[in-house]
Amino acid sequence: MASNTEIIDGFMAAWNSLDIDAVMAHFTDDASYANVPMGPPHVGKTLIREFIDGFMATTTEINFIVHHQVDDGRGVVMNERTDILQMGEKRIELPVMGVFELVDGKISAWRDYFDMGGFA
């Protein structure tokens, strides 16, 4: 089985490829996903997919660049990264701190922390 770090590396690659099916394959059925400054988490694969579908519909390019990544060896991976997003004519470079909880090789919780000012 792949290490938790390798799983998150694959997850980042799926985002960079804009491959929604590959992104969704990384989640447990009851996973939660929260963009912390944007409100409560989306819980369950159906709601997570609805959110990501909406996000990807407005985004023509994604490049998640991981600068640092740590694995606690017990199912938590954290990464510091820059998310570069092309949304129409707007290019956004957003510093992000991501926290991933994994169970049996899948993401059961994902929280991203960032400053909403990056979207202004």
PDB file of N, CA and C in Angstrom:
ATOM      1  N   MET A   1       0.839  -1.178   0.000  1.00  0.00           N
ATOM      2  CA  MET A   1       0.000   0.000   0.000  1.00  0.00           C
ATOM      3  C   MET A   1       0.888   1.246   0.000  1.00  0.00           C
ATOM      4  N   ALA A   2       0.440   2.272  -0.693  1.00  0.00           N
ATOM      5  CA  ALA A   2       1.175   3.527  -0.754  1.00  0.00           C
ATOM      6  C   ALA A   2       1.185   4.199   0.617  1.00  0.00           C
ATOM      7  N   SER A   3       2.230   4.953   0.887  1.00  0.00           N
ATOM      8  CA  SER A   3       2.297   5.717   2.138  1.00  0.00           C
ATOM      9  C   SER A   3       1.290   6.871   2.072  1.00  0.00           C
ATOM     10  N   ASN A   4       0.970   7.419   3.224  1.00  0.00           N
ATOM     11  CA  ASN A   4       0.048   8.554   3.249  1.00  0.00           C
ATOM     12  C   ASN A   4       0.594   9.737   2.454  1.00  0.00           C
ATOM     13  N   THR A   5       1.893   9.956   2.517  1.00  0.00           N
ATOM     14  CA  THR A   5       2.511  11.030   1.740  1.00  0.00           C
ATOM     15  C   THR A   5       2.332  10.781   0.248  1.00  0.00           C
ATOM     16  N   GLU A   6       2.536   9.556  -0.186  1.00  0.00           N
ATOM     17  CA  GLU A   6       2.350   9.224  -1.606  1.00  0.00           C
ATOM     18  C   GLU A   6       0.894   9.403  -2.032  1.00  0.00           C
ATOM     19  N   ILE A   7      -0.027   9.079  -1.144  1.00  0.00           N
ATOM     20  CA  ILE A   7      -1.456   9.261  -1.460  1.00  0.00           C
ATOM     21  C   ILE A   7      -1.763  10.737  -1.665  1.00  0.00           C
ATOM     22  N   ILE A   8      -1.259  11.587  -0.781  1.00  0.00           N
ATOM     23  CA  ILE A   8      -1.502  13.022  -0.923  1.00  0.00           C
ATOM     24  C   ILE A   8      -0.781  13.576  -2.150  1.00  0.00           C
ATOM     25  N   ASP A   9       0.402  13.074  -2.456  1.00  0.00           N
ATOM     26  CA  ASP A   9       1.082  13.480  -3.694  1.00  0.00           C
ATOM     27  C   ASP A   9       0.217  13.146  -4.910  1.00  0.00           C
ATOM     28  N   GLY A  10      -0.395  11.962  -4.916  1.00  0.00           N
ATOM     29  CA  GLY A  10      -1.287  11.577  -6.008  1.00  0.00           C
ATOM     30  C   GLY A  10      -2.531  12.447  -6.065  1.00  0.00           C
ATOM     31  N   PHE A  11      -3.032  12.825  -4.910  1.00  0.00           N
ATOM     32  CA  PHE A  11      -4.192  13.709  -4.820  1.00  0.00           C
ATOM     33  C   PHE A  11      -3.863  15.077  -5.422  1.00  0.00           C
ATOM     34  N   MET A  12      -2.698  15.615  -5.078  1.00  0.00           N
ATOM     35  CA  MET A  12      -2.276  16.902  -5.643  1.00  0.00           C
ATOM     36  C   MET A  12      -2.134  16.793  -7.168  1.00  0.00           C
ATOM     37  N   ALA A  13      -1.575  15.692  -7.647  1.00  0.00           N
ATOM     38  CA  ALA A  13      -1.415  15.483  -9.086  1.00  0.00           C
ATOM     39  C   ALA A  13      -2.777  15.408  -9.789  1.00  0.00           C
ATOM     40  N   ALA A  14      -3.766  14.785  -9.142  1.00  0.00           N
ATOM     41  CA  ALA A  14      -5.111  14.708  -9.723  1.00  0.00           C
ATOM     42  C   ALA A  14      -5.705  16.104  -9.888  1.00  0.00           C
ATOM     43  N   TRP A  15      -5.504  16.954  -8.886  1.00  0.00           N
ATOM     44  CA  TRP A  15      -5.970  18.341  -8.995  1.00  0.00           C
ATOM     45  C   TRP A  15      -5.264  19.050 -10.150  1.00  0.00           C
ATOM     46  N   ASN A  16      -3.947  18.899 -10.223  1.00  0.00           N
ATOM     47  CA  ASN A  16      -3.183  19.569 -11.271  1.00  0.00           C
ATOM     48  C   ASN A  16      -3.612  19.124 -12.664  1.00  0.00           C
ATOM     49  N   SER A  17      -4.141  17.916 -12.773  1.00  0.00           N
ATOM     50  CA  SER A  17      -4.627  17.383 -14.053  1.00  0.00           C
ATOM     51  C   SER A  17      -6.093  17.727 -14.307  1.00  0.00           C
ATOM     52  N   LEU A  18      -6.740  18.406 -13.341  1.00  0.00           N
ATOM     53  CA  LEU A  18      -8.168  18.724 -13.431  1.00  0.00           C
ATOM     54  C   LEU A  18      -9.005  17.462 -13.638  1.00  0.00           C
ATOM     55  N   ASP A  19      -8.591  16.370 -12.994  1.00  0.00           N
ATOM     56  CA  ASP A  19      -9.257  15.074 -13.142  1.00  0.00           C
ATOM     57  C   ASP A  19     -10.179  14.834 -11.942  1.00  0.00           C
ATOM     58  N   ILE A  20     -11.423  15.259 -12.076  1.00  0.00           N
ATOM     59  CA  ILE A  20     -12.377  15.191 -10.965  1.00  0.00           C
ATOM     60  C   ILE A  20     -12.589  13.765 -10.479  1.00  0.00           C
ATOM     61  N   ASP A  21     -12.609  12.797 -11.384  1.00  0.00           N
ATOM     62  CA  ASP A  21     -12.807  11.411 -10.954  1.00  0.00           C
ATOM     63  C   ASP A  21     -11.624  10.919 -10.124  1.00  0.00           C
ATOM     64  N   ALA A  22     -10.419  11.279 -10.525  1.00  0.00           N
ATOM     65  CA  ALA A  22      -9.234  10.890  -9.747  1.00  0.00           C
ATOM     66  C   ALA A  22      -9.216  11.614  -8.405  1.00  0.00           C
ATOM     67  N   VAL A  23      -9.613  12.875  -8.386  1.00  0.00           N
ATOM     68  CA  VAL A  23      -9.698  13.611  -7.112  1.00  0.00           C
ATOM     69  C   VAL A  23     -10.668  12.897  -6.180  1.00  0.00           C
ATOM     70  N   MET A  24     -11.847  12.582  -6.675  1.00  0.00           N
ATOM     71  CA  MET A  24     -12.892  11.986  -5.830  1.00  0.00           C
ATOM     72  C   MET A  24     -12.529  10.581  -5.360  1.00  0.00           C
ATOM     73  N   ALA A  25     -11.731   9.867  -6.143  1.00  0.00           N
ATOM     74  CA  ALA A  25     -11.328   8.511  -5.758  1.00  0.00           C
ATOM     75  C   ALA A  25     -10.474   8.498  -4.495  1.00  0.00           C
ATOM     76  N   HIS A  26      -9.943   9.641  -4.099  1.00  0.00           N
ATOM     77  CA  HIS A  26      -9.095   9.720  -2.911  1.00  0.00           C
ATOM     78  C   HIS A  26      -9.885   9.845  -1.613  1.00  0.00           C
ATOM     79  N   PHE A  27     -11.204  10.078  -1.683  1.00  0.00           N
ATOM     80  CA  PHE A  27     -12.007  10.318  -0.481  1.00  0.00           C
ATOM     81  C   PHE A  27     -12.734   9.068   0.008  1.00  0.00           C
ATOM     82  N   THR A  28     -12.896   8.969   1.333  1.00  0.00           N
ATOM     83  CA  THR A  28     -13.818   7.985   1.897  1.00  0.00           C
ATOM     84  C   THR A  28     -15.239   8.470   1.593  1.00  0.00           C
ATOM     85  N   ASP A  29     -16.212   7.577   1.674  1.00  0.00           N
ATOM     86  CA  ASP A  29     -17.597   7.960   1.382  1.00  0.00           C
ATOM     87  C   ASP A  29     -18.121   9.032   2.330  1.00  0.00           C
ATOM     88  N   ASP A  30     -17.648   9.018   3.582  1.00  0.00           N
ATOM     89  CA  ASP A  30     -18.145   9.954   4.593  1.00  0.00           C
ATOM     90  C   ASP A  30     -17.169  11.093   4.885  1.00  0.00           C
ATOM     91  N   ALA A  31     -16.268  11.355   3.954  1.00  0.00           N
ATOM     92  CA  ALA A  31     -15.239  12.381   4.152  1.00  0.00           C
ATOM     93  C   ALA A  31     -15.843  13.764   4.353  1.00  0.00           C
ATOM     94  N   SER A  32     -15.030  14.638   4.939  1.00  0.00           N
ATOM     95  CA  SER A  32     -15.405  16.048   5.039  1.00  0.00           C
ATOM     96  C   SER A  32     -14.300  16.890   4.412  1.00  0.00           C
ATOM     97  N   TYR A  33     -14.712  17.999   3.790  1.00  0.00           N
ATOM     98  CA  TYR A  33     -13.780  18.898   3.122  1.00  0.00           C
ATOM     99  C   TYR A  33     -14.174  20.316   3.487  1.00  0.00           C
ATOM    100  N   ALA A  34     -13.223  21.056   4.055  1.00  0.00           N
ATOM    101  CA  ALA A  34     -13.513  22.427   4.472  1.00  0.00           C
ATOM    102  C   ALA A  34     -12.441  23.375   3.959  1.00  0.00           C
ATOM    103  N   ASN A  35     -12.883  24.407   3.262  1.00  0.00           N
ATOM    104  CA  ASN A  35     -12.068  25.588   3.027  1.00  0.00           C
ATOM    105  C   ASN A  35     -12.405  26.488   4.211  1.00  0.00           C
ATOM    106  N   VAL A  36     -11.590  26.428   5.242  1.00  0.00           N
ATOM    107  CA  VAL A  36     -11.937  26.963   6.553  1.00  0.00           C
ATOM    108  C   VAL A  36     -12.463  28.395   6.522  1.00  0.00           C
ATOM    109  N   PRO A  37     -11.852  29.330   5.787  1.00  0.00           N
ATOM    110  CA  PRO A  37     -12.403  30.684   5.842  1.00  0.00           C
ATOM    111  C   PRO A  37     -13.731  30.848   5.090  1.00  0.00           C
ATOM    112  N   MET A  38     -14.178  29.806   4.396  1.00  0.00           N
ATOM    113  CA  MET A  38     -15.379  29.923   3.567  1.00  0.00           C
ATOM    114  C   MET A  38     -16.629  29.324   4.211  1.00  0.00           C
ATOM    115  N   GLY A  39     -16.512  28.774   5.416  1.00  0.00           N
ATOM    116  CA  GLY A  39     -17.712  28.260   6.056  1.00  0.00           C
ATOM    117  C   GLY A  39     -17.606  26.810   6.448  1.00  0.00           C
ATOM    118  N   PRO A  40     -18.755  26.212   6.749  1.00  0.00           N
ATOM    119  CA  PRO A  40     -18.746  24.835   7.250  1.00  0.00           C
ATOM    120  C   PRO A  40     -18.298  23.835   6.187  1.00  0.00           C
ATOM    121  N   PRO A  41     -17.859  22.659   6.638  1.00  0.00           N
ATOM    122  CA  PRO A  41     -17.363  21.652   5.683  1.00  0.00           C
ATOM    123  C   PRO A  41     -18.473  21.039   4.845  1.00  0.00           C
ATOM    124  N   HIS A  42     -18.060  20.522   3.710  1.00  0.00           N
ATOM    125  CA  HIS A  42     -18.920  19.704   2.867  1.00  0.00           C
ATOM    126  C   HIS A  42     -18.685  18.267   3.348  1.00  0.00           C
ATOM    127  N   VAL A  43     -19.755  17.562   3.674  1.00  0.00           N
ATOM    128  CA  VAL A  43     -19.619  16.221   4.242  1.00  0.00           C
ATOM    129  C   VAL A  43     -20.255  15.196   3.318  1.00  0.00           C
ATOM    130  N   GLY A  44     -19.484  14.153   3.004  1.00  0.00           N
ATOM    131  CA  GLY A  44     -19.937  13.097   2.112  1.00  0.00           C
ATOM    132  C   GLY A  44     -19.486  13.382   0.688  1.00  0.00           C
ATOM    133  N   LYS A  45     -19.237  12.303  -0.046  1.00  0.00           N
ATOM    134  CA  LYS A  45     -18.700  12.444  -1.404  1.00  0.00           C
ATOM    135  C   LYS A  45     -19.623  13.223  -2.338  1.00  0.00           C
ATOM    136  N   THR A  46     -20.918  13.100  -2.163  1.00  0.00           N
ATOM    137  CA  THR A  46     -21.848  13.808  -3.049  1.00  0.00           C
ATOM    138  C   THR A  46     -21.689  15.313  -2.901  1.00  0.00           C
ATOM    139  N   LEU A  47     -21.679  15.821  -1.667  1.00  0.00           N
ATOM    140  CA  LEU A  47     -21.553  17.262  -1.454  1.00  0.00           C
ATOM    141  C   LEU A  47     -20.153  17.768  -1.797  1.00  0.00           C
ATOM    142  N   ILE A  48     -19.142  16.957  -1.517  1.00  0.00           N
ATOM    143  CA  ILE A  48     -17.783  17.344  -1.885  1.00  0.00           C
ATOM    144  C   ILE A  48     -17.675  17.471  -3.404  1.00  0.00           C
ATOM    145  N   ARG A  49     -18.222  16.497  -4.119  1.00  0.00           N
ATOM    146  CA  ARG A  49     -18.147  16.542  -5.588  1.00  0.00           C
ATOM    147  C   ARG A  49     -18.905  17.746  -6.137  1.00  0.00           C
ATOM    148  N   GLU A  50     -20.067  18.049  -5.588  1.00  0.00           N
ATOM    149  CA  GLU A  50     -20.822  19.215  -6.061  1.00  0.00           C
ATOM    150  C   GLU A  50     -19.992  20.482  -5.922  1.00  0.00           C
ATOM    151  N   PHE A  51     -19.329  20.635  -4.769  1.00  0.00           N
ATOM    152  CA  PHE A  51     -18.500  21.813  -4.556  1.00  0.00           C
ATOM    153  C   PHE A  51     -17.330  21.847  -5.544  1.00  0.00           C
ATOM    154  N   ILE A  52     -16.636  20.731  -5.676  1.00  0.00           N
ATOM    155  CA  ILE A  52     -15.466  20.688  -6.558  1.00  0.00           C
ATOM    156  C   ILE A  52     -15.875  20.860  -8.019  1.00  0.00           C
ATOM    157  N   ASP A  53     -17.001  20.269  -8.430  1.00  0.00           N
ATOM    158  CA  ASP A  53     -17.499  20.474  -9.803  1.00  0.00           C
ATOM    159  C   ASP A  53     -17.703  21.958 -10.078  1.00  0.00           C
ATOM    160  N   GLY A  54     -18.322  22.661  -9.134  1.00  0.00           N
ATOM    161  CA  GLY A  54     -18.551  24.095  -9.296  1.00  0.00           C
ATOM    162  C   GLY A  54     -17.258  24.881  -9.383  1.00  0.00           C
ATOM    163  N   PHE A  55     -16.297  24.501  -8.544  1.00  0.00           N
ATOM    164  CA  PHE A  55     -14.992  25.158  -8.548  1.00  0.00           C
ATOM    165  C   PHE A  55     -14.263  24.914  -9.861  1.00  0.00           C
ATOM    166  N   MET A  56     -14.233  23.664 -10.307  1.00  0.00           N
ATOM    167  CA  MET A  56     -13.520  23.328 -11.540  1.00  0.00           C
ATOM    168  C   MET A  56     -14.191  23.924 -12.773  1.00  0.00           C
ATOM    169  N   ALA A  57     -15.490  24.175 -12.707  1.00  0.00           N
ATOM    170  CA  ALA A  57     -16.194  24.764 -13.848  1.00  0.00           C
ATOM    171  C   ALA A  57     -15.712  26.185 -14.129  1.00  0.00           C
ATOM    172  N   THR A  58     -15.168  26.847 -13.105  1.00  0.00           N
ATOM    173  CA  THR A  58     -14.698  28.230 -13.279  1.00  0.00           C
ATOM    174  C   THR A  58     -13.182  28.308 -13.408  1.00  0.00           C
ATOM    175  N   THR A  59     -12.507  27.175 -13.368  1.00  0.00           N
ATOM    176  CA  THR A  59     -11.050  27.139 -13.314  1.00  0.00           C
ATOM    177  C   THR A  59     -10.501  26.386 -14.524  1.00  0.00           C
ATOM    178  N   THR A  60      -9.631  27.025 -15.276  1.00  0.00           N
ATOM    179  CA  THR A  60      -9.074  26.389 -16.469  1.00  0.00           C
ATOM    180  C   THR A  60      -7.693  25.792 -16.226  1.00  0.00           C
ATOM    181  N   GLU A  61      -7.064  26.186 -15.122  1.00  0.00           N
ATOM    182  CA  GLU A  61      -5.744  25.639 -14.802  1.00  0.00           C
ATOM    183  C   GLU A  61      -5.559  25.638 -13.296  1.00  0.00           C
ATOM    184  N   ILE A  62      -5.015  24.552 -12.785  1.00  0.00           N
ATOM    185  CA  ILE A  62      -4.691  24.434 -11.363  1.00  0.00           C
ATOM    186  C   ILE A  62      -3.272  23.899 -11.265  1.00  0.00           C
ATOM    187  N   ASN A  63      -2.503  24.515 -10.393  1.00  0.00           N
ATOM    188  CA  ASN A  63      -1.172  24.010 -10.103  1.00  0.00           C
ATOM    189  C   ASN A  63      -0.950  24.135  -8.597  1.00  0.00           C
ATOM    190  N   PHE A  64      -1.044  23.021  -7.901  1.00  0.00           N
ATOM    191  CA  PHE A  64      -0.782  22.987  -6.465  1.00  0.00           C
ATOM    192  C   PHE A  64       0.706  22.686  -6.296  1.00  0.00           C
ATOM    193  N   ILE A  65       1.451  23.647  -5.810  1.00  0.00           N
ATOM    194  CA  ILE A  65       2.893  23.478  -5.601  1.00  0.00           C
ATOM    195  C   ILE A  65       3.143  23.272  -4.112  1.00  0.00           C
ATOM    196  N   VAL A  66       3.579  22.084  -3.749  1.00  0.00           N
ATOM    197  CA  VAL A  66       3.834  21.755  -2.346  1.00  0.00           C
ATOM    198  C   VAL A  66       5.265  22.156  -2.011  1.00  0.00           C
ATOM    199  N   HIS A  67       5.402  22.979  -0.976  1.00  0.00           N
ATOM    200  CA  HIS A  67       6.716  23.440  -0.533  1.00  0.00           C
ATOM    201  C   HIS A  67       7.258  22.559   0.603  1.00  0.00           C
ATOM    202  N   HIS A  68       6.378  22.202   1.525  1.00  0.00           N
ATOM    203  CA  HIS A  68       6.753  21.365   2.663  1.00  0.00           C
ATOM    204  C   HIS A  68       5.599  20.417   2.938  1.00  0.00           C
ATOM    205  N   GLN A  69       5.930  19.192   3.313  1.00  0.00           N
ATOM    206  CA  GLN A  69       4.894  18.212   3.636  1.00  0.00           C
ATOM    207  C   GLN A  69       5.404  17.316   4.761  1.00  0.00           C
ATOM    208  N   VAL A  70       4.548  17.090   5.740  1.00  0.00           N
ATOM    209  CA  VAL A  70       4.914  16.228   6.858  1.00  0.00           C
ATOM    210  C   VAL A  70       3.826  15.195   7.083  1.00  0.00           C
ATOM    211  N   ASP A  71       4.254  14.028   7.510  1.00  0.00           N
ATOM    212  CA  ASP A  71       3.363  12.903   7.803  1.00  0.00           C
ATOM    213  C   ASP A  71       3.631  12.503   9.245  1.00  0.00           C
ATOM    214  N   ASP A  72       2.596  12.512  10.077  1.00  0.00           N
ATOM    215  CA  ASP A  72       2.809  12.187  11.489  1.00  0.00           C
ATOM    216  C   ASP A  72       2.930  10.684  11.745  1.00  0.00           C
ATOM    217  N   GLY A  73       2.765   9.871  10.696  1.00  0.00           N
ATOM    218  CA  GLY A  73       2.886   8.426  10.852  1.00  0.00           C
ATOM    219  C   GLY A  73       1.656   7.769  11.460  1.00  0.00           C
ATOM    220  N   ARG A  74       0.628   8.550  11.761  1.00  0.00           N
ATOM    221  CA  ARG A  74      -0.595   8.004  12.361  1.00  0.00           C
ATOM    222  C   ARG A  74      -1.848   8.378  11.568  1.00  0.00           C
ATOM    223  N   GLY A  75      -1.647   8.886  10.351  1.00  0.00           N
ATOM    224  CA  GLY A  75      -2.811   9.182   9.525  1.00  0.00           C
ATOM    225  C   GLY A  75      -3.063  10.652   9.266  1.00  0.00           C
ATOM    226  N   VAL A  76      -2.137  11.524   9.645  1.00  0.00           N
ATOM    227  CA  VAL A  76      -2.296  12.954   9.362  1.00  0.00           C
ATOM    228  C   VAL A  76      -1.114  13.415   8.518  1.00  0.00           C
ATOM    229  N   VAL A  77      -1.442  14.052   7.390  1.00  0.00           N
ATOM    230  CA  VAL A  77      -0.440  14.665   6.523  1.00  0.00           C
ATOM    231  C   VAL A  77      -0.788  16.145   6.433  1.00  0.00           C
ATOM    232  N   MET A  78       0.220  16.994   6.561  1.00  0.00           N
ATOM    233  CA  MET A  78       0.021  18.440   6.423  1.00  0.00           C
ATOM    234  C   MET A  78       0.974  18.949   5.354  1.00  0.00           C
ATOM    235  N   ASN A  79       0.469  19.879   4.547  1.00  0.00           N
ATOM    236  CA  ASN A  79       1.373  20.479   3.582  1.00  0.00           C
ATOM    237  C   ASN A  79       1.179  21.983   3.505  1.00  0.00           C
ATOM    238  N   GLU A  80       2.297  22.658   3.254  1.00  0.00           N
ATOM    239  CA  GLU A  80       2.312  24.077   2.968  1.00  0.00           C
ATOM    240  C   GLU A  80       2.519  24.182   1.469  1.00  0.00           C
ATOM    241  N   ARG A  81       1.643  24.933   0.814  1.00  0.00           N
ATOM    242  CA  ARG A  81       1.726  24.962  -0.640  1.00  0.00           C
ATOM    243  C   ARG A  81       1.250  26.306  -1.183  1.00  0.00           C
ATOM    244  N   THR A  82       1.494  26.507  -2.442  1.00  0.00           N
ATOM    245  CA  THR A  82       0.924  27.625  -3.180  1.00  0.00           C
ATOM    246  C   THR A  82      -0.016  27.034  -4.211  1.00  0.00           C
ATOM    247  N   ASP A  83      -1.268  27.452  -4.172  1.00  0.00           N
ATOM    248  CA  ASP A  83      -2.247  27.034  -5.170  1.00  0.00           C
ATOM    249  C   ASP A  83      -2.323  28.130  -6.228  1.00  0.00           C
ATOM    250  N   ILE A  84      -1.972  27.785  -7.443  1.00  0.00           N
ATOM    251  CA  ILE A  84      -2.045  28.727  -8.556  1.00  0.00           C
ATOM    252  C   ILE A  84      -3.266  28.344  -9.381  1.00  0.00           C
ATOM    253  N   LEU A  85      -4.184  29.287  -9.511  1.00  0.00           N
ATOM    254  CA  LEU A  85      -5.469  29.037 -10.164  1.00  0.00           C
ATOM    255  C   LEU A  85      -5.657  30.036 -11.296  1.00  0.00           C
ATOM    256  N   GLN A  86      -6.047  29.544 -12.459  1.00  0.00           N
ATOM    257  CA  GLN A  86      -6.443  30.416 -13.559  1.00  0.00           C
ATOM    258  C   GLN A  86      -7.959  30.345 -13.648  1.00  0.00           C
ATOM    259  N   MET A  87      -8.604  31.467 -13.337  1.00  0.00           N
ATOM    260  CA  MET A  87     -10.069  31.543 -13.327  1.00  0.00           C
ATOM    261  C   MET A  87     -10.466  32.662 -14.285  1.00  0.00           C
ATOM    262  N   GLY A  88     -10.785  32.274 -15.522  1.00  0.00           N
ATOM    263  CA  GLY A  88     -11.061  33.278 -16.547  1.00  0.00           C
ATOM    264  C   GLY A  88      -9.797  34.076 -16.809  1.00  0.00           C
ATOM    265  N   GLU A  89      -9.905  35.381 -16.735  1.00  0.00           N
ATOM    266  CA  GLU A  89      -8.752  36.258 -16.942  1.00  0.00           C
ATOM    267  C   GLU A  89      -7.936  36.432 -15.658  1.00  0.00           C
ATOM    268  N   LYS A  90      -8.435  35.930 -14.572  1.00  0.00           N
ATOM    269  CA  LYS A  90      -7.808  36.144 -13.270  1.00  0.00           C
ATOM    270  C   LYS A  90      -6.882  34.986 -12.898  1.00  0.00           C
ATOM    271  N   ARG A  91      -5.644  35.329 -12.551  1.00  0.00           N
ATOM    272  CA  ARG A  91      -4.676  34.344 -12.060  1.00  0.00           C
ATOM    273  C   ARG A  91      -4.477  34.616 -10.572  1.00  0.00           C
ATOM    274  N   ILE A  92      -4.658  33.580  -9.779  1.00  0.00           N
ATOM    275  CA  ILE A  92      -4.555  33.696  -8.330  1.00  0.00           C
ATOM    276  C   ILE A  92      -3.422  32.806  -7.840  1.00  0.00           C
ATOM    277  N   GLU A  93      -2.553  33.364  -7.012  1.00  0.00           N
ATOM    278  CA  GLU A  93      -1.514  32.596  -6.337  1.00  0.00           C
ATOM    279  C   GLU A  93      -1.813  32.690  -4.852  1.00  0.00           C
ATOM    280  N   LEU A  94      -2.248  31.570  -4.278  1.00  0.00           N
ATOM    281  CA  LEU A  94      -2.779  31.563  -2.922  1.00  0.00           C
ATOM    282  C   LEU A  94      -1.931  30.688  -2.003  1.00  0.00           C
ATOM    283  N   PRO A  95      -1.290  31.277  -0.978  1.00  0.00           N
ATOM    284  CA  PRO A  95      -0.593  30.456   0.011  1.00  0.00           C
ATOM    285  C   PRO A  95      -1.635  29.673   0.835  1.00  0.00           C
ATOM    286  N   VAL A  96      -1.406  28.375   1.000  1.00  0.00           N
ATOM    287  CA  VAL A  96      -2.376  27.493   1.665  1.00  0.00           C
ATOM    288  C   VAL A  96      -1.650  26.551   2.623  1.00  0.00           C
ATOM    289  N   MET A  97      -2.305  26.273   3.732  1.00  0.00           N
ATOM    290  CA  MET A  97      -1.885  25.212   4.650  1.00  0.00           C
ATOM    291  C   MET A  97      -2.979  24.163   4.635  1.00  0.00           C
ATOM    292  N   GLY A  98      -2.646  22.935   4.236  1.00  0.00           N
ATOM    293  CA  GLY A  98      -3.634  21.862   4.141  1.00  0.00           C
ATOM    294  C   GLY A  98      -3.384  20.792   5.192  1.00  0.00           C
ATOM    295  N   VAL A  99      -4.466  20.307   5.773  1.00  0.00           N
ATOM    296  CA  VAL A  99      -4.411  19.211   6.748  1.00  0.00           C
ATOM    297  C   VAL A  99      -5.289  18.085   6.223  1.00  0.00           C
ATOM    298  N   PHE A 100      -4.713  16.892   6.148  1.00  0.00           N
ATOM    299  CA  PHE A 100      -5.404  15.722   5.621  1.00  0.00           C
ATOM    300  C   PHE A 100      -5.389  14.621   6.666  1.00  0.00           C
ATOM    301  N   GLU A 101      -6.547  14.057   6.933  1.00  0.00           N
ATOM    302  CA  GLU A 101      -6.649  12.878   7.792  1.00  0.00           C
ATOM    303  C   GLU A 101      -6.980  11.701   6.887  1.00  0.00           C
ATOM    304  N   LEU A 102      -6.217  10.615   7.042  1.00  0.00           N
ATOM    305  CA  LEU A 102      -6.397   9.453   6.174  1.00  0.00           C
ATOM    306  C   LEU A 102      -6.763   8.221   6.983  1.00  0.00           C
ATOM    307  N   VAL A 103      -7.644   7.408   6.394  1.00  0.00           N
ATOM    308  CA  VAL A 103      -8.055   6.130   6.967  1.00  0.00           C
ATOM    309  C   VAL A 103      -8.015   5.099   5.848  1.00  0.00           C
ATOM    310  N   ASP A 104      -7.283   4.029   6.054  1.00  0.00           N
ATOM    311  CA  ASP A 104      -7.195   2.940   5.077  1.00  0.00           C
ATOM    312  C   ASP A 104      -6.875   3.437   3.668  1.00  0.00           C
ATOM    313  N   GLY A 105      -5.935   4.394   3.574  1.00  0.00           N
ATOM    314  CA  GLY A 105      -5.479   4.848   2.271  1.00  0.00           C
ATOM    315  C   GLY A 105      -6.357   5.871   1.577  1.00  0.00           C
ATOM    316  N   LYS A 106      -7.355   6.393   2.283  1.00  0.00           N
ATOM    317  CA  LYS A 106      -8.253   7.392   1.688  1.00  0.00           C
ATOM    318  C   LYS A 106      -8.354   8.607   2.613  1.00  0.00           C
ATOM    319  N   ILE A 107      -8.680   9.743   2.035  1.00  0.00           N
ATOM    320  CA  ILE A 107      -8.838  10.974   2.809  1.00  0.00           C
ATOM    321  C   ILE A 107     -10.204  10.965   3.486  1.00  0.00           C
ATOM    322  N   SER A 108     -10.193  11.043   4.814  1.00  0.00           N
ATOM    323  CA  SER A 108     -11.450  11.104   5.561  1.00  0.00           C
ATOM    324  C   SER A 108     -11.788  12.536   5.970  1.00  0.00           C
ATOM    325  N   ALA A 109     -10.790  13.402   6.014  1.00  0.00           N
ATOM    326  CA  ALA A 109     -11.023  14.820   6.307  1.00  0.00           C
ATOM    327  C   ALA A 109      -9.924  15.639   5.649  1.00  0.00           C
ATOM    328  N   TRP A 110     -10.321  16.777   5.085  1.00  0.00           N
ATOM    329  CA  TRP A 110      -9.381  17.699   4.455  1.00  0.00           C
ATOM    330  C   TRP A 110      -9.797  19.109   4.839  1.00  0.00           C
ATOM    331  N   ARG A 111      -8.846  19.836   5.409  1.00  0.00           N
ATOM    332  CA  ARG A 111      -9.078  21.229   5.768  1.00  0.00           C
ATOM    333  C   ARG A 111      -7.973  22.083   5.159  1.00  0.00           C
ATOM    334  N   ASP A 112      -8.373  23.126   4.442  1.00  0.00           N
ATOM    335  CA  ASP A 112      -7.427  24.078   3.901  1.00  0.00           C
ATOM    336  C   ASP A 112      -7.604  25.406   4.622  1.00  0.00           C
ATOM    337  N   TYR A 113      -6.484  25.999   5.028  1.00  0.00           N
ATOM    338  CA  TYR A 113      -6.457  27.280   5.708  1.00  0.00           C
ATOM    339  C   TYR A 113      -5.741  28.278   4.815  1.00  0.00           C
ATOM    340  N   PHE A 114      -6.385  29.411   4.555  1.00  0.00           N
ATOM    341  CA  PHE A 114      -5.803  30.440   3.705  1.00  0.00           C
ATOM    342  C   PHE A 114      -6.504  31.760   3.975  1.00  0.00           C
ATOM    343  N   ASP A 115      -5.919  32.831   3.470  1.00  0.00           N
ATOM    344  CA  ASP A 115      -6.462  34.164   3.631  1.00  0.00           C
ATOM    345  C   ASP A 115      -7.369  34.465   2.434  1.00  0.00           C
ATOM    346  N   MET A 116      -8.626  34.769   2.693  1.00  0.00           N
ATOM    347  CA  MET A 116      -9.584  35.064   1.612  1.00  0.00           C
ATOM    348  C   MET A 116      -9.183  36.300   0.814  1.00  0.00           C
ATOM    349  N   GLY A 117      -8.300  37.136   1.356  1.00  0.00           N
ATOM    350  CA  GLY A 117      -7.842  38.306   0.630  1.00  0.00           C
ATOM    351  C   GLY A 117      -7.181  37.958  -0.684  1.00  0.00           C
ATOM    352  N   GLY A 118      -6.667  36.732  -0.802  1.00  0.00           N
ATOM    353  CA  GLY A 118      -6.043  36.297  -2.044  1.00  0.00           C
ATOM    354  C   GLY A 118      -7.011  36.236  -3.218  1.00  0.00           C
ATOM    355  N   PHE A 119      -8.301  36.168  -2.926  1.00  0.00           N
ATOM    356  CA  PHE A 119      -9.308  36.127  -3.993  1.00  0.00           C
ATOM    357  C   PHE A 119      -9.805  37.520  -4.365  1.00  0.00           C
ATOM    358  N   ALA A 120      -9.443  38.515  -3.574  1.00  0.00           N
ATOM    359  CA  ALA A 120      -9.968  39.883  -3.793  1.00  0.00           C
ATOM    360  C   ALA A 120      -9.303  40.532  -4.994  1.00  0.00           C
TER     361      ALA A 120
END
